[in-house]
Protein backbone atom coordinates (compact mmCIF):
# COMPACT_ATOMS: atom_id res chain seq x y z
CA MET A 1 0.00 0.00 0.00
CA TRP A 2 2.76 2.47 0.99
CA ARG A 3 5.11 1.73 -1.92
CA PHE A 4 2.53 1.52 -4.70
CA PHE A 5 -0.04 4.09 -3.60
CA LEU A 6 0.70 6.41 -0.69
CA TRP A 7 4.41 6.98 -1.37
CA PRO A 8 4.14 7.93 -5.08
CA TRP A 9 0.97 9.92 -4.36
CA LEU A 10 2.75 12.01 -1.72
CA LEU A 11 5.79 12.48 -3.97
CA ALA A 12 3.54 13.66 -6.80
CA LEU A 13 1.77 16.08 -4.47
CA GLN A 14 5.08 17.35 -3.10
CA ASN A 15 6.64 17.87 -6.54
CA LEU A 16 3.66 19.54 -8.25
CA THR A 17 2.62 21.76 -5.34
CA ARG A 18 4.15 23.76 -2.54
CA LEU A 19 1.85 22.35 0.13
CA PRO A 20 3.68 21.72 3.44
CA LEU A 21 3.95 17.93 3.50
CA GLY A 22 7.09 17.49 5.58
CA ARG A 23 9.95 15.17 4.69
CA ILE A 24 9.00 12.34 2.33
CA PRO A 25 11.49 9.56 1.49
CA TYR A 26 12.84 9.84 -2.06
CA GLN A 27 13.52 7.04 -4.52
CA ALA A 28 14.00 7.70 -8.22
CA GLU A 29 11.74 4.90 -9.46
CA VAL A 30 8.90 5.75 -7.09
CA PHE A 31 9.26 9.43 -8.02
CA GLY A 32 9.13 8.60 -11.72
CA ARG A 33 6.07 6.37 -11.38
CA ALA A 34 4.20 9.07 -9.48
CA THR A 35 2.78 10.43 -12.75
CA VAL A 36 -0.17 8.05 -12.34
CA PHE A 37 -1.38 10.33 -9.53
CA PHE A 38 -1.02 13.63 -11.40
CA PRO A 39 -4.82 13.88 -11.95
CA LEU A 40 -5.41 13.55 -8.19
CA VAL A 41 -2.93 16.36 -7.57
CA GLY A 42 -4.98 18.40 -10.03
CA LEU A 43 -8.13 17.58 -8.06
CA VAL A 44 -6.52 18.89 -4.87
CA ILE A 45 -5.59 22.13 -6.65
CA GLY A 46 -9.06 22.38 -8.15
CA GLY A 47 -10.58 21.87 -4.72
CA LEU A 48 -8.56 24.80 -3.38
CA TRP A 49 -9.63 26.96 -6.33
CA THR A 50 -13.27 26.06 -5.73
CA ALA A 51 -13.14 26.68 -1.98
CA ALA A 52 -11.50 30.06 -2.50
CA TYR A 53 -14.07 31.07 -5.11
CA TYR A 54 -17.07 30.27 -2.94
CA LEU A 55 -15.52 31.87 0.13
CA LEU A 56 -14.67 35.12 -1.64
CA SER A 57 -17.38 35.62 -4.27
CA PRO A 58 -20.20 36.56 -1.82
CA TRP A 59 -18.11 39.44 -0.48
CA TRP A 60 -15.86 40.71 -3.25
CA PRO A 61 -16.35 41.79 -6.88
CA PRO A 62 -15.36 39.39 -9.70
CA ALA A 63 -12.10 41.21 -10.46
CA VAL A 64 -10.86 40.77 -6.89
CA VAL A 65 -11.91 37.11 -6.86
CA ALA A 66 -10.13 36.52 -10.18
CA ALA A 67 -6.94 38.15 -8.88
CA ALA A 68 -7.15 36.06 -5.70
CA LEU A 69 -7.52 32.86 -7.73
CA CYS A 70 -4.47 33.78 -9.80
CA GLY A 71 -2.51 34.42 -6.62
CA LEU A 72 -3.70 31.18 -5.04
CA ASN A 73 -2.70 29.20 -8.11
CA PHE A 74 0.75 30.78 -8.03
CA TRP A 75 1.15 29.98 -4.34
CA VAL A 76 -0.06 26.37 -4.58
CA THR A 77 2.09 25.47 -7.59
CA GLY A 78 5.02 27.73 -6.76
CA GLY A 79 4.60 29.16 -10.25
CA MET A 80 6.59 26.23 -11.65
CA HIS A 81 4.34 25.58 -14.63
CA ALA A 82 4.14 29.27 -15.51
CA ASP A 83 7.93 29.43 -15.22
CA GLY A 84 8.18 26.54 -17.68
CA PHE A 85 5.88 28.37 -20.09
CA ILE A 86 7.97 31.54 -19.82
CA ASP A 87 11.21 29.62 -20.43
CA TYR A 88 9.66 27.84 -23.41
CA VAL A 89 8.46 31.09 -25.00
CA ASP A 90 11.86 32.65 -24.35
CA GLY A 91 13.50 29.75 -26.17
CA LEU A 92 11.51 30.46 -29.31
CA GLY A 93 13.97 33.26 -30.01
CA GLY A 94 16.57 30.64 -30.97
CA ARG A 95 17.03 29.46 -34.53
CA THR A 96 17.85 25.81 -33.94
CA PRO A 97 16.71 23.23 -31.37
CA ALA A 98 20.11 23.43 -29.64
CA GLU A 99 19.93 27.23 -29.41
CA ARG A 100 16.39 27.09 -28.06
CA LEU A 101 17.31 24.55 -25.40
CA ALA A 102 20.29 26.68 -24.36
CA ILE A 103 18.11 29.79 -24.05
CA MET A 104 15.53 27.87 -22.02
CA ARG A 105 18.22 26.75 -19.58
CA ASP A 106 19.54 30.29 -19.11
CA SER A 107 18.34 31.67 -15.76
CA THR A 108 17.79 35.17 -17.18
CA VAL A 109 14.46 36.00 -18.81
CA GLY A 110 14.39 37.70 -22.20
CA ALA A 111 11.79 39.86 -23.90
CA PHE A 112 9.95 36.88 -25.40
CA GLY A 113 9.57 35.28 -21.99
CA VAL A 114 8.38 38.50 -20.31
CA MET A 115 5.76 39.10 -22.99
CA GLY A 116 4.66 35.47 -22.88
CA GLY A 117 4.27 35.60 -19.09
CA ILE A 118 2.19 38.78 -19.30
CA VAL A 119 -0.10 37.30 -21.93
CA LEU A 120 -0.48 34.09 -19.92
CA GLY A 121 -1.37 36.03 -16.77
CA LEU A 122 -3.87 38.21 -18.63
CA PHE A 123 -5.60 35.18 -20.12
CA ARG A 124 -5.82 33.42 -16.76
CA PHE A 125 -7.18 36.54 -15.03
CA ALA A 126 -9.72 37.20 -17.80
CA LEU A 127 -10.98 33.61 -17.73
CA PHE A 128 -11.30 33.56 -13.93
CA PHE A 129 -13.07 36.93 -14.15
CA SER A 130 -15.54 35.49 -16.68
CA LEU A 131 -16.57 32.45 -14.62
CA PRO A 132 -20.33 31.81 -14.39
CA SER A 133 -22.23 32.10 -11.10
CA TYR A 134 -21.74 28.45 -10.11
CA PRO A 135 -18.47 27.36 -11.74
CA TRP A 136 -17.49 24.48 -9.46
CA GLN A 137 -17.32 21.93 -12.30
CA ILE A 138 -14.89 24.09 -14.27
CA LEU A 139 -12.71 24.90 -11.28
CA LEU A 140 -12.47 21.28 -10.16
CA LEU A 141 -11.85 19.80 -13.61
CA VAL A 142 -9.38 22.18 -15.24
CA PRO A 143 -6.32 21.33 -13.07
CA VAL A 144 -7.12 17.61 -13.42
CA ILE A 145 -7.24 17.91 -17.19
CA GLY A 146 -4.00 19.87 -17.49
CA ARG A 147 -2.01 17.35 -15.47
CA THR A 148 -3.52 14.38 -17.28
CA GLY A 149 -2.29 15.86 -20.54
CA MET A 150 1.19 16.09 -19.02
CA VAL A 151 1.21 12.32 -18.40
CA TRP A 152 0.37 11.60 -22.04
CA ALA A 153 3.11 13.95 -23.26
CA ILE A 154 5.66 12.42 -20.89
CA ARG A 155 4.88 8.91 -22.09
CA PHE A 156 4.68 9.36 -25.84
CA PHE A 157 7.38 11.90 -26.68
CA PRO A 158 11.18 11.76 -26.25
CA TYR A 159 13.04 13.78 -23.66
CA ALA A 160 15.30 16.42 -25.20
CA ARG A 161 18.02 16.59 -22.55
CA PRO A 162 20.41 13.88 -21.28
CA GLN A 163 19.37 14.52 -17.68
CA GLY A 164 16.95 16.48 -15.52
CA GLN A 165 14.06 15.93 -13.16
CA GLY A 166 11.69 15.44 -16.06
CA LYS A 167 13.97 12.67 -17.32
CA LEU A 168 12.95 10.52 -14.34
CA TYR A 169 9.31 10.91 -15.27
CA LYS A 170 10.11 9.93 -18.83
CA GLU A 171 12.14 6.90 -17.74
CA PHE A 172 9.55 5.41 -15.38
CA THR A 173 6.26 6.46 -16.98
CA GLY A 174 4.94 3.58 -19.04
CA ASN A 175 1.61 2.48 -20.43
CA ALA A 176 0.44 1.44 -16.95
CA GLN A 177 0.91 4.99 -15.64
CA VAL A 178 -0.89 6.50 -18.64
CA LEU A 179 -3.76 4.04 -18.30
CA GLY A 180 -4.01 4.59 -14.55
CA ALA A 181 -3.92 8.37 -14.83
CA SER A 182 -6.48 8.31 -17.65
CA LEU A 183 -8.84 6.08 -15.66
CA ILE A 184 -8.57 8.31 -12.60
CA ALA A 185 -9.15 11.43 -14.71
CA GLY A 186 -12.00 9.76 -16.59
CA VAL A 187 -13.84 8.85 -13.39
CA ILE A 188 -13.36 12.38 -12.05
CA ALA A 189 -14.55 13.90 -15.34
CA VAL A 190 -17.70 11.75 -15.44
CA LEU A 191 -18.61 12.30 -11.79
CA ILE A 192 -18.07 16.05 -11.90
CA GLY A 193 -18.89 17.07 -15.45
CA GLY A 194 -20.74 14.20 -17.12
CA TYR A 195 -20.42 14.19 -20.88
CA LYS A 196 -19.09 17.75 -20.79
CA GLY A 197 -16.28 16.63 -18.54
CA VAL A 198 -15.45 13.77 -20.89
CA MET A 199 -15.40 16.22 -23.81
CA LEU A 200 -12.96 18.46 -21.95
CA LEU A 201 -10.73 15.54 -21.04
CA GLY A 202 -10.71 14.13 -24.58
CA GLY A 203 -9.90 17.53 -26.02
CA ALA A 204 -7.04 17.96 -23.57
CA VAL A 205 -5.50 14.60 -24.47
CA LEU A 206 -5.67 15.50 -28.16
CA GLY A 207 -4.22 18.92 -27.37
CA ALA A 208 -1.38 17.33 -25.39
CA LEU A 209 -0.46 15.10 -28.32
CA LEU A 210 -0.53 18.00 -30.78
CA LEU A 211 1.57 20.16 -28.47
CA GLY A 212 3.99 17.27 -28.02
CA LEU A 213 4.44 17.09 -31.78
CA LEU A 214 5.06 20.85 -31.89
CA PHE A 215 7.61 20.75 -29.06
CA ARG A 216 9.42 17.82 -30.64
CA ARG A 217 9.68 19.68 -33.91
CA GLN A 218 10.95 22.85 -32.24
CA LEU A 219 13.27 21.30 -29.64
CA GLY A 220 13.90 17.73 -30.72
CA GLY A 221 11.93 16.49 -27.71
CA LEU A 222 10.30 17.63 -24.50
CA THR A 223 11.79 18.99 -21.25
CA GLY A 224 10.54 19.82 -17.79
CA ASP A 225 9.86 23.35 -19.03
CA THR A 226 7.66 22.12 -21.86
CA TYR A 227 5.75 19.86 -19.46
CA GLY A 228 4.91 22.99 -17.48
CA ALA A 229 4.12 24.98 -20.62
CA LEU A 230 1.82 22.21 -21.80
CA ASN A 231 -0.07 22.27 -18.50
CA GLU A 232 -0.53 26.04 -18.70
CA ILE A 233 -1.76 25.93 -22.29
CA LEU A 234 -4.17 23.08 -21.55
CA GLU A 235 -5.52 24.85 -18.47
CA ILE A 236 -6.14 28.07 -20.40
CA GLY A 237 -7.78 26.14 -23.24
CA SER A 238 -9.91 24.10 -20.82
CA LEU A 239 -11.00 27.20 -18.91
CA ALA A 240 -12.06 28.86 -22.16
CA THR A 241 -13.88 25.74 -23.37
CA GLY A 242 -15.50 25.27 -19.97
CA LEU A 243 -16.99 28.76 -20.19
CA LEU A 244 -18.67 27.72 -23.45
CA LEU A 245 -19.95 24.40 -22.07
CA TRP A 246 -21.27 25.73 -18.76
């Protein structure tokens, strides 16, 4: 029970969030297999989004609630996925895959990255601002969907660097992890969103595969930064689609 469920689940939660979980034993294989629990991490994040929305919306105007949700998301995730998106956009200034990877690894942020981060933040704020009166399905599902797409991208596309934290995910994520994550996400989608939830999930998986093809063409493979960028893009797309469905 500990090795196959609780341990990888806690490692996934610790790596994808900044929640105070204390010291958790580390083992590379268990860490790498933790991708099966990515959708459950998304559900935790979605639960925090939902709780914050319903606590704040009776008292504050939509703009304040939207800003608070953006801040909460940044705090819970440590901004790691947004940072990956910014690094990826920054890398687009390179001419070759090698140049782009080198730019992405550079700790300084260029003009492309700054502009990309601003656009990403504006989209997230605008979509949170535009939420309907009772948006709990959207808020719960979107983080689940984004992280499920990450698992598919990890499994089916090569890793572009010889080493890195994302390399462990690539090494130990197999068909069993993809199947498990997809089943977990599918159950969550059906229970929360019905056929609309399934539509969102299916669209996200397709989007993850298309983005994986794009990243492979641009960089020769995927990296930890592109995993984060993929999550951000899928979340923005799912939020926008959710507004149409609900």
